[in-house]
Every structure is written in structure tokens, then in C-alpha cells.
Amino acid sequence: MEHKYIVALEVGSSKIRAALGEVDDAGTLTVKAVEEERLVDSVRHGVVLNVSEVAEGARKVLRRLENREGGRTIHSAYVAIGGRSTMSSPCEVERRLPVETVISRDHISQIFAEARDKVLNERDVMEAVPAEFRIDGRPTTNPVGSIGREVSALFNLVSSRRQLKRNLSHALEKSLGLKVKGYVVRQLAEAGMVLTPEEKRLGCMLVDFGAETLTVSIYKDGYLVYLATLPLGSRAITRDIASLNILEEEAERLKVSGGDAMPDATSRPIGNIDFGPINEMVSARAGEIIENIRNQIRINEMNASELPCGIIMVGRGARLHGFTRRLEEVTGMKTRVGQPRSSIRFSSSNIQPGDVTDVIAILDAVSSRAVNCMELPDLQPVQTSIESIPVVDNGIPTVDTPEPKPEEPEEDDDSILTSDDPEPEPQRKRPRLFGLLKDKLTKMMSDDDDYEFESDDDKN
């Protein structure tokens, strides 16, 4: 069985990122390459604003992936979806059967389909995540195979504004001509990759700290119970630093190299830069972001003790020095940075998995059901069939030699005939090689009545 090549795209507020993965016969995912292109004011809070610039950025990163797999072209991709408008809302679906029945997968599939078809005001339902099943009022974690007449399910519908998917489609499908094989909710894909089943059952919080958004997902008893996206991100820290009359690109570099969410009062300058004023801003904004994270637990009417597995951070914002330590101190919850699970392989040591969890999570989420996103060009070689070569009775193959094509006149004024020039004498046609051979053989065999030489002329 041929290996599958799958491509994932993630269009963020600060960059567009693409990843190429290979899935072998055993279903093992190998991440072969990750490419990214910086975006400036083309996307805001996850919504594409400049279709042309996003399409051009996507073209560049996809071309680089193609260059890594010489000869293969990318015709489709799986696309991450998220952003400020992404949220979850509860939904209950009930189904009453005519008689007591063993609940089948078809029954559950119909319930899922009904949940996905729910109409929300100007919003697309991207995923229906089950939170609870009941058979005749009894809760169950595995409804398939249970006996009953009434089946009910509580879902969390993950949805976003319709503009989110519509603008992505304009940029990728209409402008670029790329086939979108499917949209994948980034936060759900990340949870599937970095959270363990035990963490989901006992209770935990996943925080996706992006450039312009912060998404908080809470899991309990194995299910998603809450998801909300806040318009806060690491770019807010960058812009705070830029307010010190620094270009935003330089402010980003300073944040990464010396920014600290828990600055030490005795910290020394780095080079000729005094990070004291800079880290005052970094610390203040980090405190605001952490308070908003903690507030999501209260909004969901929970407390930290109900989430014993703590907080798992993903996104580049989580790399800010001192942020996870301060988050742990303020919330009283243990905190770690999420990493792709060990079963995912990487073909290059240049790929830093912790920095690209967003796009790797999309590859991981679709790897078991994905179709090929790359193909080899369909080259049709010219073949000469041996059956097309005629064979005469004496077993010697003959091949018709084509008449030589007249030579094109050289572009020289002296070689061009005019009406005043005498016509050239016709050239005598030189005898063909196979014609000479035929005459010679015919003469040699003329006395042998049992031998007949079949020429092309004889056939005609």
C-alpha cells in the first residue's frame, strides 16, 4: 500500500504555517517539513481580512513543501479553523424508539447528525462534541449495545462566525485554487494530541496562547465541558513594548530574547538594552492575561480542585519566560507546556515540535482518515510496440524508412528564389538503402523457384 502524503494549513494572525506529513501502512505519522510565512495585518483575531495576501502567503509555503518532495505537487490540504468567535454552547438531542431496542451505531450516528444540523444564529457548527449519553434516563459512557427506548445526548456545539470559514475559502479555494479537504477545529485537534485520556477524565484545562487570541478549553469526566476564546494574545505584549518608540518587529525580538513575566528586581541589562522598563510592561500584561485565564474557571462554575491535572499550555505565547511559573503561582494549579505525543515522528531535527503544535495537531487529527494531498505528475512515456514491426517470411524484420524531410532553407538572401532567378535543376533521387538490398537479394535468388521475397511493393 502506498504511503499517504497529507498537508495541513494554519492561518494565524501573525503567520501562515503549512506542514507535510507522511502516513505509512501502520498508520504512523511522520512530520517531514514545516514552513511558515509572516503575515502583517492580513488576519485579525483569526478572520482573514486581506484575501490576496493570505493566498500569496499560502502559495509560498506550499511551494516550499513541494520543493522538499521533488516531483510531487500539492492539490489539496486540511485547514485549521479557530479564532475569536470560536466558542461552545450546550445542546441536547433526544430520540424515542417505537419499542425497546439494542442501541446501534446507526442510532448514535443519527443523534450526532441531528446535533450538527442545529441552526445557530449566523454561526457555523464545526463540531458536535458529546458530553453525556443517557439510555432511559440512565447515564452511560458507551451507549452502543445498551437496551432501551429513549436515547438522549448532551453535546457541546463548537461554532464560529460564518465569515471565518467563508473568508478562508475565498483565499484558499477561489484565489489559490487549492482544494480544502476539510476544516479542523484547532483547539480540539490540539487537545487530542497533547492531553492524555487520564487528564481528560480527572479534569484539566487546555490554554492555547496565540498571537491575538487566547482559547480556554476545560475537560472533565472525559468530555469537553467548556470552550471560549478571548481577544487577548502575545501580540498585546509586543505592542506594549512598541509603545516605547520601537518598531513592532524589534519589539517582538526584544520580547522573545529578554521578556520576563516575573522579572527580578536585580535583573541586569542585556547588552546595551535596559530591560527594566520593558519587563514592567511585560509583567503587567502577563498578569492581565493570567487573571482572564483564572476567571474562565469561575465562569464555568468550577474551582481549581475540580481540575487536578492542572493547566496545559500550547502556542508560542506560552514560551514567554516566567509565564507558566507565574500562572502556576496565581492559580494554584500545576502547569506544563504541551508537546506532541511520542508516537509522532519527525524526519528533521530542525523541526521544534513545541513551537508548531498547532499545525502538527491538524496532521495528527486527520492522519487515520486522510486522503492523499500530493500527487506525482501523470507522465505518459512513448512506447513502441514490437508487434508493429512487420516480419517477412524469411524471418528478417523490415522497417519502413521514412522519406527524408526537405531541409529548411537557411536565412540567407542568396538562398531565396525570386521570379528573376532561374529554377534550380531537379536533383536526382538517390536510391534507398533497402531498395538496393532488395534488388541484390532478388538477383541472387532469381534461380531458386522455391524462394519468394515479399517486399512492401509486393504487398501493395
Foldseek 3Di string as FASTA:
>chain_A
DDKFKAKEWEDDPFKIKMWIWIQDPVLFIATEDMDMDTDDPQAAQLFGDPLAVLLVRVVVRQVVVCVVVDQKHFQAHAYEGDGQFKWWDKDKDKDFAPDKDQDAPVNVVVRQVVVLPDDDDQKHQQGWWWDWKDAVRHTDPDSHRDIHGMIMTMTIGTIGHPSNVVSVCCNPCVVNVHHHPYYDHLVVLLCVFFPDQVLLAQKEWEWEAEAQKIWIWIHYNSTTDTIHIDRHHPLVLLVLQCVVVNDSVVSVVCQLPPAALDDDPPDDADPPHDCPVSNVSSNVSLVVVLVVNLVVCVVSVHAQVSNQQYYEYAYPRVSGHHSQVVSCVVRVGHYYYTFGDPSYHYPDPVDDRRHPSRRVSSCVVCSVPDHHRMDRDDDDDDDDDPVVFDADPVRDTDDDDDDDDDDDDDPDPVRDDDPPDDDDDDDDDDDDPVVVVVVVVCVVCVVPPVDDDDDPVNVD
